[in-house]
């Protein structure tokens, strides 16, 4: 084989390699068909695929993103998902968390998903830190959005801002555990209890500069 032909083959081969995702792009964390890139420990049956969504219904469990995007370790980021709750449902979205086999996540913050369950903290709360008392409607899709830059957290529901929070040097909620700090980590979806039915789809993230 002549060197010229070999060079052409090498160029074609290199151009076909998967290009890195630009940092400015939104990236899907859920393929709509499987739980590839996600991991759950105890009570794994709480999470299933239903009509292109992640259906959450069952015993307490947490589904963690462990996929390839940014090595599932996010510091500054934007995150958004489409969510729908049924009546009496409770769930949540964690950020800066890490996988654990069981129990409530010890690391990271929870963004509340709850529009009619007994807990008065409603959708869009930074749970136990900045809580809101009014949610949105059950049985309708809504967008939940989270942005973290440095020590600042922004939460929006259907493009309406519900939380703007700057973490202080020694936050009071640290009494709950040393992991309740803005740091870095992955995302998790909460299965709260057998009486809750929640659906998630169009789960997206965007890495922001440090």
N, C-alpha and C. Protein backbone atom coordinates (compact mmCIF):
# COMPACT_ATOMS: atom_id res chain seq x y z
N UNK A 1 0.85 -1.20 0.00
CA UNK A 1 0.00 0.00 0.00
C UNK A 1 0.89 1.25 0.00
N UNK A 2 0.58 2.18 -0.86
CA UNK A 2 1.35 3.41 -0.92
C UNK A 2 1.08 4.27 0.31
N UNK A 3 2.10 5.10 0.67
CA UNK A 3 1.97 5.94 1.86
C UNK A 3 0.82 6.94 1.74
N UNK A 4 0.57 7.44 0.53
CA UNK A 4 -0.52 8.40 0.35
C UNK A 4 -1.87 7.81 0.70
N UNK A 5 -2.10 6.57 0.23
CA UNK A 5 -3.36 5.90 0.54
C UNK A 5 -3.47 5.63 2.03
N UNK A 6 -2.37 5.23 2.66
CA UNK A 6 -2.38 4.97 4.10
C UNK A 6 -2.73 6.23 4.87
N UNK A 7 -2.20 7.36 4.46
CA UNK A 7 -2.49 8.63 5.13
C UNK A 7 -3.97 8.97 5.04
N UNK A 8 -4.57 8.71 3.85
CA UNK A 8 -6.01 9.00 3.66
C UNK A 8 -6.84 8.13 4.60
N UNK A 9 -6.48 6.84 4.71
CA UNK A 9 -7.22 5.93 5.58
C UNK A 9 -7.13 6.39 7.04
N UNK A 10 -5.93 6.82 7.43
CA UNK A 10 -5.74 7.29 8.81
C UNK A 10 -6.58 8.52 9.09
N UNK A 11 -6.63 9.44 8.15
CA UNK A 11 -7.42 10.67 8.33
C UNK A 11 -8.90 10.34 8.47
N UNK A 12 -9.38 9.44 7.60
CA UNK A 12 -10.80 9.05 7.66
C UNK A 12 -11.11 8.38 8.98
N UNK A 13 -10.19 7.50 9.42
CA UNK A 13 -10.41 6.80 10.67
C UNK A 13 -10.46 7.74 11.85
N UNK A 14 -9.53 8.71 11.90
CA UNK A 14 -9.51 9.66 13.01
C UNK A 14 -10.73 10.55 13.01
N UNK A 15 -11.20 10.93 11.82
CA UNK A 15 -12.38 11.82 11.74
C UNK A 15 -13.64 11.13 12.20
N UNK A 16 -13.64 9.79 12.18
CA UNK A 16 -14.84 9.05 12.58
C UNK A 16 -14.91 8.81 14.08
N UNK A 17 -13.81 9.13 14.80
CA UNK A 17 -13.84 8.96 16.25
C UNK A 17 -14.85 9.89 16.87
N UNK A 18 -15.41 9.47 17.99
CA UNK A 18 -16.42 10.29 18.67
C UNK A 18 -15.80 11.57 19.19
N UNK A 19 -16.37 12.68 18.79
CA UNK A 19 -15.85 13.97 19.21
C UNK A 19 -16.35 14.31 20.61
N UNK A 20 -15.53 15.00 21.40
CA UNK A 20 -15.99 15.40 22.73
C UNK A 20 -17.15 16.37 22.65
N UNK A 21 -18.03 16.30 23.63
CA UNK A 21 -19.19 17.20 23.65
C UNK A 21 -18.73 18.59 24.06
N UNK A 22 -19.05 19.62 23.26
CA UNK A 22 -18.69 20.98 23.67
C UNK A 22 -19.30 21.31 25.02
N UNK A 23 -18.55 22.04 25.85
CA UNK A 23 -19.02 22.33 27.21
C UNK A 23 -20.30 23.14 27.22
N UNK A 24 -20.58 23.85 26.13
CA UNK A 24 -21.74 24.73 26.09
C UNK A 24 -23.02 24.01 25.71
N UNK A 25 -22.96 22.71 25.39
CA UNK A 25 -24.12 21.98 24.91
C UNK A 25 -24.87 21.28 26.05
N UNK A 26 -26.19 21.21 25.90
CA UNK A 26 -26.99 20.36 26.77
C UNK A 26 -26.78 18.91 26.36
N UNK A 27 -26.66 18.03 27.34
CA UNK A 27 -26.44 16.61 27.08
C UNK A 27 -27.53 15.80 27.77
N UNK A 28 -28.11 14.85 27.05
CA UNK A 28 -29.13 14.00 27.62
C UNK A 28 -28.50 12.95 28.53
N UNK A 29 -29.07 12.79 29.73
CA UNK A 29 -28.59 11.79 30.68
C UNK A 29 -29.45 10.54 30.67
N UNK A 30 -30.53 10.54 29.89
CA UNK A 30 -31.49 9.43 29.87
C UNK A 30 -31.88 9.17 28.43
N UNK A 31 -31.71 7.92 27.97
CA UNK A 31 -31.96 7.60 26.56
C UNK A 31 -33.42 7.32 26.24
N UNK A 32 -34.29 7.35 27.24
CA UNK A 32 -35.71 7.14 27.00
C UNK A 32 -36.11 5.68 26.82
N UNK A 33 -35.13 4.76 26.86
CA UNK A 33 -35.41 3.35 26.61
C UNK A 33 -34.91 2.42 27.69
N UNK A 34 -33.94 2.89 28.49
CA UNK A 34 -33.32 2.02 29.48
C UNK A 34 -32.76 2.86 30.62
N UNK A 35 -32.26 2.18 31.63
CA UNK A 35 -31.60 2.86 32.74
C UNK A 35 -30.08 2.80 32.59
N UNK A 36 -29.61 2.65 31.36
CA UNK A 36 -28.17 2.70 31.10
C UNK A 36 -27.61 4.03 31.59
N UNK A 37 -26.51 3.96 32.33
CA UNK A 37 -25.92 5.17 32.87
C UNK A 37 -26.46 5.57 34.22
N UNK A 38 -27.34 4.74 34.76
CA UNK A 38 -27.94 5.01 36.08
C UNK A 38 -27.76 3.77 36.96
N UNK A 39 -27.71 3.97 38.27
CA UNK A 39 -27.48 2.87 39.19
C UNK A 39 -28.32 3.06 40.45
N UNK A 40 -28.93 1.98 40.90
CA UNK A 40 -29.72 1.99 42.12
C UNK A 40 -29.32 0.80 42.97
N UNK A 41 -29.35 0.95 44.26
CA UNK A 41 -29.01 -0.14 45.18
C UNK A 41 -30.25 -0.88 45.62
N UNK A 42 -30.59 -0.79 46.89
CA UNK A 42 -31.76 -1.48 47.43
C UNK A 42 -33.05 -0.99 46.77
N UNK A 43 -34.02 -1.90 46.67
CA UNK A 43 -35.35 -1.59 46.13
C UNK A 43 -35.28 -1.08 44.68
N UNK A 44 -34.44 -1.73 43.89
CA UNK A 44 -34.25 -1.30 42.50
C UNK A 44 -35.54 -1.35 41.69
N UNK A 45 -36.49 -2.18 42.11
CA UNK A 45 -37.75 -2.30 41.37
C UNK A 45 -38.59 -1.03 41.44
N UNK A 46 -38.22 -0.09 42.29
CA UNK A 46 -38.93 1.19 42.37
C UNK A 46 -38.85 1.95 41.06
N UNK A 47 -37.79 1.71 40.27
CA UNK A 47 -37.56 2.45 39.03
C UNK A 47 -37.74 1.53 37.82
N UNK A 48 -38.51 2.01 36.85
CA UNK A 48 -38.72 1.25 35.62
C UNK A 48 -38.91 2.21 34.46
N UNK A 49 -38.90 1.66 33.25
CA UNK A 49 -39.13 2.45 32.06
C UNK A 49 -40.58 2.29 31.63
N UNK A 50 -41.24 3.40 31.43
CA UNK A 50 -42.66 3.37 31.03
C UNK A 50 -42.92 4.47 30.01
N UNK A 51 -43.21 4.08 28.78
CA UNK A 51 -43.55 5.02 27.72
C UNK A 51 -42.53 6.15 27.58
N UNK A 52 -41.25 5.77 27.58
CA UNK A 52 -40.19 6.75 27.38
C UNK A 52 -39.85 7.59 28.59
N UNK A 53 -40.35 7.18 29.74
CA UNK A 53 -40.08 7.92 30.97
C UNK A 53 -39.43 6.99 32.01
N UNK A 54 -38.82 7.60 33.03
CA UNK A 54 -38.45 6.86 34.22
C UNK A 54 -39.63 6.94 35.18
N UNK A 55 -40.24 5.79 35.42
CA UNK A 55 -41.38 5.70 36.33
C UNK A 55 -40.85 5.37 37.72
N UNK A 56 -41.27 6.16 38.71
CA UNK A 56 -40.82 5.99 40.09
C UNK A 56 -42.02 5.64 40.95
N UNK A 57 -42.03 4.38 41.44
CA UNK A 57 -43.19 3.93 42.21
C UNK A 57 -42.79 2.71 43.02
N UNK A 58 -42.67 2.88 44.34
CA UNK A 58 -42.29 1.74 45.17
C UNK A 58 -41.61 2.17 46.45
N UNK A 59 -40.90 1.24 47.04
CA UNK A 59 -40.24 1.50 48.31
C UNK A 59 -39.13 2.54 48.15
N UNK A 60 -38.71 3.11 49.27
CA UNK A 60 -37.68 4.14 49.26
C UNK A 60 -36.42 3.66 48.55
N UNK A 61 -35.97 4.42 47.56
CA UNK A 61 -34.78 4.08 46.78
C UNK A 61 -34.29 5.34 46.08
N UNK A 62 -33.04 5.29 45.63
CA UNK A 62 -32.47 6.43 44.92
C UNK A 62 -31.70 5.94 43.70
N UNK A 63 -31.97 6.60 42.57
CA UNK A 63 -31.37 6.25 41.29
C UNK A 63 -30.32 7.31 40.96
N UNK A 64 -29.05 6.89 40.87
CA UNK A 64 -27.93 7.81 40.69
C UNK A 64 -27.42 7.78 39.25
N UNK A 65 -27.10 8.95 38.72
CA UNK A 65 -26.48 9.01 37.40
C UNK A 65 -25.02 8.62 37.54
N UNK A 66 -24.60 7.57 36.81
CA UNK A 66 -23.21 7.09 36.84
C UNK A 66 -22.65 6.99 35.42
N UNK A 67 -23.23 7.76 34.50
CA UNK A 67 -22.86 7.67 33.10
C UNK A 67 -21.56 8.38 32.77
N UNK A 68 -21.27 8.43 31.47
CA UNK A 68 -19.98 8.93 30.98
C UNK A 68 -19.86 10.44 31.01
N UNK A 69 -20.98 11.15 30.88
CA UNK A 69 -20.87 12.61 30.73
C UNK A 69 -20.16 13.23 31.92
N UNK A 70 -19.04 13.87 31.64
CA UNK A 70 -18.21 14.55 32.65
C UNK A 70 -17.86 13.63 33.81
N UNK A 71 -17.73 12.32 33.51
CA UNK A 71 -17.40 11.31 34.52
C UNK A 71 -18.37 11.37 35.70
N UNK A 72 -19.64 11.72 35.40
CA UNK A 72 -20.72 11.88 36.39
C UNK A 72 -20.26 12.62 37.65
N UNK A 73 -19.46 13.67 37.42
CA UNK A 73 -19.00 14.49 38.55
C UNK A 73 -19.14 15.96 38.15
N UNK A 74 -20.15 16.60 38.70
CA UNK A 74 -20.53 17.95 38.28
C UNK A 74 -20.30 18.94 39.43
N UNK A 75 -19.68 20.05 39.10
CA UNK A 75 -19.49 21.13 40.07
C UNK A 75 -20.40 22.30 39.72
N UNK A 76 -19.99 23.06 38.72
CA UNK A 76 -20.86 24.12 38.19
C UNK A 76 -21.63 23.55 37.00
N UNK A 77 -22.94 23.75 37.00
CA UNK A 77 -23.75 23.08 35.97
C UNK A 77 -25.12 23.72 35.86
N UNK A 78 -25.81 23.36 34.79
CA UNK A 78 -27.26 23.54 34.67
C UNK A 78 -27.87 22.16 34.49
N UNK A 79 -29.04 21.96 35.04
CA UNK A 79 -29.75 20.68 34.97
C UNK A 79 -31.23 20.98 34.77
N UNK A 80 -31.89 20.15 33.96
CA UNK A 80 -33.33 20.31 33.82
C UNK A 80 -33.95 18.96 33.50
N UNK A 81 -35.20 18.80 33.89
CA UNK A 81 -35.95 17.58 33.61
C UNK A 81 -37.42 17.90 33.52
N UNK A 82 -38.14 17.10 32.73
CA UNK A 82 -39.58 17.16 32.70
C UNK A 82 -40.11 16.18 33.75
N UNK A 83 -41.04 16.63 34.56
CA UNK A 83 -41.52 15.83 35.68
C UNK A 83 -43.05 15.87 35.71
N UNK A 84 -43.65 14.74 36.10
CA UNK A 84 -45.10 14.72 36.35
C UNK A 84 -45.37 13.91 37.61
N UNK A 85 -46.16 14.48 38.50
CA UNK A 85 -46.54 13.80 39.74
C UNK A 85 -48.00 13.38 39.69
N UNK A 86 -48.27 12.26 40.33
CA UNK A 86 -49.66 11.88 40.58
C UNK A 86 -50.06 12.40 41.97
N UNK A 87 -51.34 12.40 42.25
CA UNK A 87 -51.84 12.94 43.51
C UNK A 87 -51.18 12.24 44.70
N UNK A 88 -50.72 13.04 45.66
CA UNK A 88 -50.14 12.50 46.88
C UNK A 88 -48.71 12.01 46.73
N UNK A 89 -48.05 12.38 45.63
CA UNK A 89 -46.69 11.88 45.37
C UNK A 89 -45.63 12.79 45.96
N UNK A 90 -44.53 12.18 46.38
CA UNK A 90 -43.36 12.89 46.89
C UNK A 90 -42.13 12.28 46.22
N UNK A 91 -41.20 13.14 45.80
CA UNK A 91 -39.95 12.69 45.20
C UNK A 91 -38.94 13.82 45.36
N UNK A 92 -37.83 13.72 44.66
CA UNK A 92 -36.83 14.77 44.75
C UNK A 92 -35.71 14.54 43.77
N UNK A 93 -34.95 15.58 43.50
CA UNK A 93 -33.78 15.54 42.64
C UNK A 93 -32.58 16.01 43.46
N UNK A 94 -31.57 15.14 43.58
CA UNK A 94 -30.36 15.49 44.32
C UNK A 94 -29.27 15.95 43.36
N UNK A 95 -28.45 16.89 43.84
CA UNK A 95 -27.24 17.26 43.11
C UNK A 95 -26.04 17.26 44.06
N UNK A 96 -24.86 17.18 43.50
CA UNK A 96 -23.60 17.06 44.27
C UNK A 96 -23.67 15.87 45.22
N UNK A 97 -24.29 14.80 44.76
CA UNK A 97 -24.45 13.60 45.56
C UNK A 97 -23.46 12.54 45.11
N UNK A 98 -23.52 11.35 45.72
CA UNK A 98 -22.72 10.21 45.30
C UNK A 98 -23.46 8.93 45.62
N UNK A 99 -23.16 7.89 44.84
CA UNK A 99 -23.89 6.63 44.97
C UNK A 99 -23.72 6.03 46.36
N UNK A 100 -24.83 5.56 46.90
CA UNK A 100 -24.82 4.73 48.09
C UNK A 100 -25.88 3.66 47.95
N UNK A 101 -25.66 2.53 48.60
CA UNK A 101 -26.49 1.36 48.40
C UNK A 101 -27.90 1.53 48.95
N UNK A 102 -28.03 2.24 50.06
CA UNK A 102 -29.34 2.37 50.69
C UNK A 102 -29.38 3.65 51.52
N UNK A 103 -30.57 3.97 52.00
CA UNK A 103 -30.76 5.14 52.86
C UNK A 103 -30.88 6.42 52.06
N UNK A 104 -31.22 7.49 52.77
CA UNK A 104 -31.31 8.81 52.15
C UNK A 104 -29.90 9.28 51.81
N UNK A 105 -29.69 9.90 50.66
CA UNK A 105 -28.34 10.33 50.29
C UNK A 105 -27.71 11.22 51.36
N UNK A 106 -26.50 10.86 51.76
CA UNK A 106 -25.81 11.61 52.80
C UNK A 106 -25.07 12.82 52.25
N UNK A 107 -24.88 12.84 50.94
CA UNK A 107 -24.11 13.92 50.32
C UNK A 107 -24.99 14.67 49.33
N UNK A 108 -24.88 15.98 49.34
CA UNK A 108 -25.59 16.79 48.37
C UNK A 108 -26.86 17.42 48.91
N UNK A 109 -27.49 18.17 48.04
CA UNK A 109 -28.75 18.87 48.34
C UNK A 109 -29.90 18.21 47.58
N UNK A 110 -31.09 18.31 48.16
CA UNK A 110 -32.30 17.82 47.48
C UNK A 110 -33.14 18.99 47.00
N UNK A 111 -33.59 18.90 45.77
CA UNK A 111 -34.58 19.83 45.22
C UNK A 111 -35.91 19.10 45.21
N UNK A 112 -36.88 19.66 45.90
CA UNK A 112 -38.14 18.96 46.16
C UNK A 112 -39.01 18.78 44.93
N UNK A 113 -39.69 17.63 44.88
CA UNK A 113 -40.75 17.33 43.91
C UNK A 113 -41.94 16.85 44.73
N UNK A 114 -42.93 17.70 44.92
CA UNK A 114 -44.08 17.38 45.76
C UNK A 114 -45.12 18.47 45.58
N UNK A 115 -46.27 18.09 45.03
CA UNK A 115 -47.32 19.08 44.78
C UNK A 115 -48.57 18.89 45.64
N UNK A 116 -48.71 17.73 46.29
CA UNK A 116 -49.94 17.50 47.06
C UNK A 116 -49.77 16.51 48.20
N UNK A 117 -48.55 16.03 48.45
CA UNK A 117 -48.32 15.09 49.54
C UNK A 117 -48.31 15.83 50.87
N UNK A 118 -48.33 15.10 52.00
CA UNK A 118 -48.47 15.71 53.31
C UNK A 118 -47.36 16.65 53.72
N UNK A 119 -46.14 16.44 53.23
CA UNK A 119 -45.04 17.35 53.53
C UNK A 119 -45.34 18.71 52.90
N UNK A 120 -45.32 19.77 53.70
CA UNK A 120 -45.71 21.10 53.18
C UNK A 120 -44.67 21.70 52.24
N UNK A 121 -43.47 21.16 52.21
CA UNK A 121 -42.42 21.70 51.33
C UNK A 121 -42.73 21.26 49.90
N UNK A 122 -42.95 22.22 49.04
CA UNK A 122 -43.45 21.93 47.70
C UNK A 122 -42.36 21.97 46.63
N UNK A 123 -42.77 21.54 45.44
CA UNK A 123 -41.88 21.50 44.28
C UNK A 123 -41.14 22.83 44.11
N UNK A 124 -39.83 22.71 43.89
CA UNK A 124 -39.01 23.91 43.72
C UNK A 124 -38.30 24.34 44.97
N UNK A 125 -38.54 23.66 46.10
CA UNK A 125 -37.81 23.96 47.34
C UNK A 125 -36.40 23.41 47.27
N UNK A 126 -35.45 24.10 47.89
CA UNK A 126 -34.16 23.52 48.22
C UNK A 126 -34.37 22.93 49.60
N UNK A 127 -34.63 21.65 49.65
CA UNK A 127 -35.28 21.01 50.78
C UNK A 127 -34.59 21.30 52.12
N UNK A 128 -35.38 21.84 53.05
CA UNK A 128 -34.90 22.11 54.39
C UNK A 128 -33.98 23.31 54.51
N UNK A 129 -33.76 23.99 53.38
CA UNK A 129 -32.87 25.16 53.37
C UNK A 129 -33.64 26.40 52.96
N UNK A 130 -34.20 26.37 51.76
CA UNK A 130 -35.11 27.42 51.31
C UNK A 130 -36.34 26.71 50.78
N UNK A 131 -37.42 26.75 51.55
CA UNK A 131 -38.62 25.98 51.21
C UNK A 131 -39.73 26.89 50.70
N UNK A 132 -40.47 26.37 49.71
CA UNK A 132 -41.63 27.09 49.19
C UNK A 132 -42.89 26.31 49.52
N UNK A 133 -44.00 27.01 49.65
CA UNK A 133 -45.24 26.40 50.13
C UNK A 133 -46.25 26.13 49.03
N UNK A 134 -45.98 26.57 47.80
CA UNK A 134 -46.91 26.36 46.70
C UNK A 134 -46.23 25.61 45.57
N UNK A 135 -46.87 24.53 45.14
CA UNK A 135 -46.32 23.75 44.04
C UNK A 135 -47.04 24.04 42.75
N UNK A 136 -47.02 23.06 41.85
CA UNK A 136 -47.76 23.15 40.59
C UNK A 136 -48.80 22.03 40.59
N UNK A 137 -49.44 21.78 39.47
CA UNK A 137 -50.52 20.81 39.42
C UNK A 137 -50.00 19.39 39.23
N UNK A 138 -50.66 18.46 39.90
CA UNK A 138 -50.44 17.05 39.62
C UNK A 138 -50.98 16.72 38.22
N UNK A 139 -50.49 15.60 37.66
CA UNK A 139 -50.99 15.07 36.39
C UNK A 139 -50.69 15.97 35.20
N UNK A 140 -49.75 16.90 35.36
CA UNK A 140 -49.32 17.75 34.26
C UNK A 140 -47.80 17.81 34.25
N UNK A 141 -47.21 17.77 33.05
CA UNK A 141 -45.76 17.87 32.95
C UNK A 141 -45.30 19.27 33.31
N UNK A 142 -44.22 19.35 34.07
CA UNK A 142 -43.59 20.64 34.37
C UNK A 142 -42.08 20.48 34.27
N UNK A 143 -41.40 21.60 34.12
CA UNK A 143 -39.94 21.61 34.03
C UNK A 143 -39.34 22.03 35.35
N UNK A 144 -38.41 21.22 35.86
CA UNK A 144 -37.66 21.60 37.06
C UNK A 144 -36.21 21.84 36.64
N UNK A 145 -35.68 22.99 37.04
CA UNK A 145 -34.37 23.46 36.57
C UNK A 145 -33.51 23.81 37.77
N UNK A 146 -32.23 23.40 37.71
CA UNK A 146 -31.28 23.70 38.77
C UNK A 146 -30.02 24.24 38.13
N UNK A 147 -29.48 25.30 38.72
CA UNK A 147 -28.21 25.86 38.28
C UNK A 147 -27.33 26.11 39.50
N UNK A 148 -26.07 25.67 39.42
CA UNK A 148 -25.11 25.93 40.49
C UNK A 148 -23.87 26.56 39.88
N UNK A 149 -23.50 27.71 40.41
CA UNK A 149 -22.25 28.38 40.04
C UNK A 149 -21.58 28.83 41.33
N UNK A 150 -20.41 28.29 41.61
CA UNK A 150 -19.76 28.60 42.87
C UNK A 150 -20.61 28.13 44.03
N UNK A 151 -20.95 29.04 44.92
CA UNK A 151 -21.79 28.72 46.08
C UNK A 151 -23.23 29.19 45.90
N UNK A 152 -23.60 29.51 44.66
CA UNK A 152 -24.95 30.04 44.40
C UNK A 152 -25.80 29.00 43.69
N UNK A 153 -27.02 28.81 44.20
CA UNK A 153 -27.98 27.86 43.63
C UNK A 153 -29.21 28.61 43.14
N UNK A 154 -29.63 28.31 41.93
CA UNK A 154 -30.88 28.83 41.37
C UNK A 154 -31.77 27.65 41.03
N UNK A 155 -33.03 27.72 41.44
CA UNK A 155 -34.02 26.70 41.11
C UNK A 155 -35.19 27.39 40.42
N UNK A 156 -35.66 26.77 39.34
CA UNK A 156 -36.83 27.29 38.63
C UNK A 156 -37.81 26.15 38.37
N UNK A 157 -39.08 26.48 38.38
CA UNK A 157 -40.14 25.55 37.99
C UNK A 157 -40.94 26.24 36.89
N UNK A 158 -40.98 25.61 35.73
CA UNK A 158 -41.64 26.21 34.57
C UNK A 158 -41.14 27.63 34.32
N UNK A 159 -39.83 27.80 34.40
CA UNK A 159 -39.15 29.07 34.14
C UNK A 159 -39.41 30.14 35.20
N UNK A 160 -40.13 29.81 36.25
CA UNK A 160 -40.34 30.75 37.36
C UNK A 160 -39.35 30.43 38.47
N UNK A 161 -38.58 31.42 38.89
CA UNK A 161 -37.58 31.22 39.92
C UNK A 161 -38.25 31.00 41.28
N UNK A 162 -37.88 29.91 41.93
CA UNK A 162 -38.41 29.61 43.27
C UNK A 162 -37.36 29.80 44.36
N UNK A 163 -36.08 29.65 44.00
CA UNK A 163 -35.00 29.75 44.98
C UNK A 163 -33.79 30.44 44.36
N UNK A 164 -33.23 31.40 45.10
CA UNK A 164 -31.90 31.94 44.85
C UNK A 164 -31.18 31.84 46.19
N UNK A 165 -30.16 31.02 46.26
CA UNK A 165 -29.52 30.72 47.55
C UNK A 165 -28.01 30.81 47.44
N UNK A 166 -27.40 31.53 48.38
CA UNK A 166 -25.95 31.59 48.50
C UNK A 166 -25.56 30.87 49.78
N UNK A 167 -24.79 29.81 49.63
CA UNK A 167 -24.40 29.03 50.80
C UNK A 167 -23.38 29.81 51.64
N UNK A 168 -23.67 30.01 52.92
CA UNK A 168 -22.73 30.72 53.80
C UNK A 168 -21.57 29.82 54.21
N UNK A 169 -20.63 30.39 54.93
CA UNK A 169 -19.43 29.65 55.34
C UNK A 169 -19.75 28.47 56.23
N UNK A 170 -20.68 28.65 57.16
CA UNK A 170 -21.05 27.58 58.09
C UNK A 170 -22.57 27.46 58.14
N UNK A 171 -23.17 26.85 57.14
CA UNK A 171 -24.63 26.77 57.09
C UNK A 171 -25.22 25.99 58.25
N UNK A 172 -26.37 26.42 58.74
CA UNK A 172 -27.02 25.78 59.88
C UNK A 172 -27.37 24.33 59.60
N UNK A 173 -27.71 24.02 58.36
CA UNK A 173 -28.16 22.66 58.06
C UNK A 173 -27.02 21.64 58.10
N UNK A 174 -25.79 22.08 58.35
CA UNK A 174 -24.68 21.12 58.47
C UNK A 174 -24.89 20.16 59.64
N UNK A 175 -25.76 20.52 60.57
CA UNK A 175 -26.04 19.62 61.68
C UNK A 175 -26.65 18.31 61.19
N UNK A 176 -27.22 18.31 59.97
CA UNK A 176 -27.78 17.09 59.38
C UNK A 176 -26.68 16.15 58.91
N UNK A 177 -25.47 16.67 58.74
CA UNK A 177 -24.37 15.84 58.27
C UNK A 177 -23.37 16.65 57.47
N UNK A 178 -22.10 16.23 57.45
CA UNK A 178 -21.06 17.00 56.76
C UNK A 178 -21.19 17.01 55.25
N UNK A 179 -22.03 16.14 54.70
CA UNK A 179 -22.19 16.09 53.26
C UNK A 179 -23.15 17.11 52.70
N UNK A 180 -23.84 17.84 53.55
CA UNK A 180 -24.82 18.82 53.10
C UNK A 180 -24.14 20.14 52.74
N UNK A 181 -23.28 20.08 51.75
CA UNK A 181 -22.55 21.25 51.30
C UNK A 181 -22.48 21.28 49.78
N UNK A 182 -22.39 22.47 49.21
CA UNK A 182 -22.08 22.60 47.80
C UNK A 182 -20.65 22.14 47.59
N UNK A 183 -20.46 21.18 46.71
CA UNK A 183 -19.12 20.65 46.46
C UNK A 183 -19.05 20.21 45.00
N UNK A 184 -19.16 18.92 44.76
CA UNK A 184 -19.29 18.37 43.42
C UNK A 184 -19.85 16.96 43.57
N UNK A 185 -20.35 16.41 42.50
CA UNK A 185 -20.91 15.07 42.57
C UNK A 185 -21.92 14.85 41.47
N UNK A 186 -22.75 13.84 41.64
CA UNK A 186 -23.69 13.46 40.61
C UNK A 186 -25.12 13.81 40.98
N UNK A 187 -26.04 13.42 40.09
CA UNK A 187 -27.47 13.66 40.30
C UNK A 187 -28.14 12.36 40.73
N UNK A 188 -29.24 12.48 41.46
CA UNK A 188 -30.01 11.31 41.87
C UNK A 188 -31.49 11.64 41.87
N UNK A 189 -32.28 10.63 41.54
CA UNK A 189 -33.75 10.73 41.56
C UNK A 189 -34.25 9.94 42.75
N UNK A 190 -35.13 10.52 43.50
CA UNK A 190 -35.63 9.89 44.73
C UNK A 190 -36.95 9.15 44.50
N UNK A 191 -36.98 7.90 44.97
CA UNK A 191 -38.23 7.19 45.15
C UNK A 191 -38.57 7.27 46.62
N UNK A 192 -39.62 7.98 46.96
CA UNK A 192 -39.86 8.33 48.36
C UNK A 192 -40.60 7.28 49.16
N UNK A 193 -41.68 6.74 48.60
CA UNK A 193 -42.51 5.80 49.34
C UNK A 193 -43.46 5.09 48.38
N UNK A 194 -44.05 3.96 48.79
CA UNK A 194 -44.92 3.19 47.88
C UNK A 194 -46.17 3.93 47.44
N UNK A 195 -46.56 4.97 48.17
CA UNK A 195 -47.75 5.72 47.78
C UNK A 195 -47.48 6.81 46.76
N UNK A 196 -46.26 6.94 46.32
CA UNK A 196 -45.88 8.01 45.38
C UNK A 196 -45.66 7.46 43.98
N UNK A 197 -46.21 8.14 42.99
CA UNK A 197 -45.99 7.82 41.58
C UNK A 197 -45.54 9.08 40.88
N UNK A 198 -44.32 9.05 40.34
CA UNK A 198 -43.75 10.22 39.67
C UNK A 198 -43.07 9.74 38.39
N UNK A 199 -43.09 10.59 37.35
CA UNK A 199 -42.45 10.28 36.08
C UNK A 199 -41.42 11.35 35.73
N UNK A 200 -40.30 10.92 35.15
CA UNK A 200 -39.24 11.83 34.71
C UNK A 200 -38.88 11.54 33.25
N UNK A 201 -38.61 12.58 32.49
CA UNK A 201 -38.14 12.43 31.11
C UNK A 201 -37.33 13.67 30.73
N UNK A 202 -36.71 13.61 29.55
CA UNK A 202 -35.93 14.75 29.03
C UNK A 202 -34.97 15.28 30.10
N UNK A 203 -34.19 14.37 30.66
CA UNK A 203 -33.26 14.71 31.74
C UNK A 203 -31.95 15.18 31.09
N UNK A 204 -31.59 16.43 31.32
CA UNK A 204 -30.48 17.06 30.61
C UNK A 204 -29.55 17.78 31.59
N UNK A 205 -28.28 17.87 31.20
CA UNK A 205 -27.32 18.62 32.00
C UNK A 205 -26.37 19.36 31.08
N UNK A 206 -25.80 20.43 31.60
CA UNK A 206 -24.81 21.22 30.89
C UNK A 206 -23.72 21.62 31.89
N UNK A 207 -22.49 21.27 31.60
CA UNK A 207 -21.37 21.66 32.45
C UNK A 207 -21.02 23.12 32.21
N UNK A 208 -20.79 23.86 33.30
CA UNK A 208 -20.40 25.26 33.24
C UNK A 208 -18.95 25.40 33.69
N UNK A 209 -18.26 26.44 33.27
CA UNK A 209 -16.86 26.61 33.67
C UNK A 209 -16.72 26.73 35.18
N UNK A 210 -15.61 26.22 35.72
CA UNK A 210 -15.31 26.36 37.14
C UNK A 210 -14.94 27.80 37.48
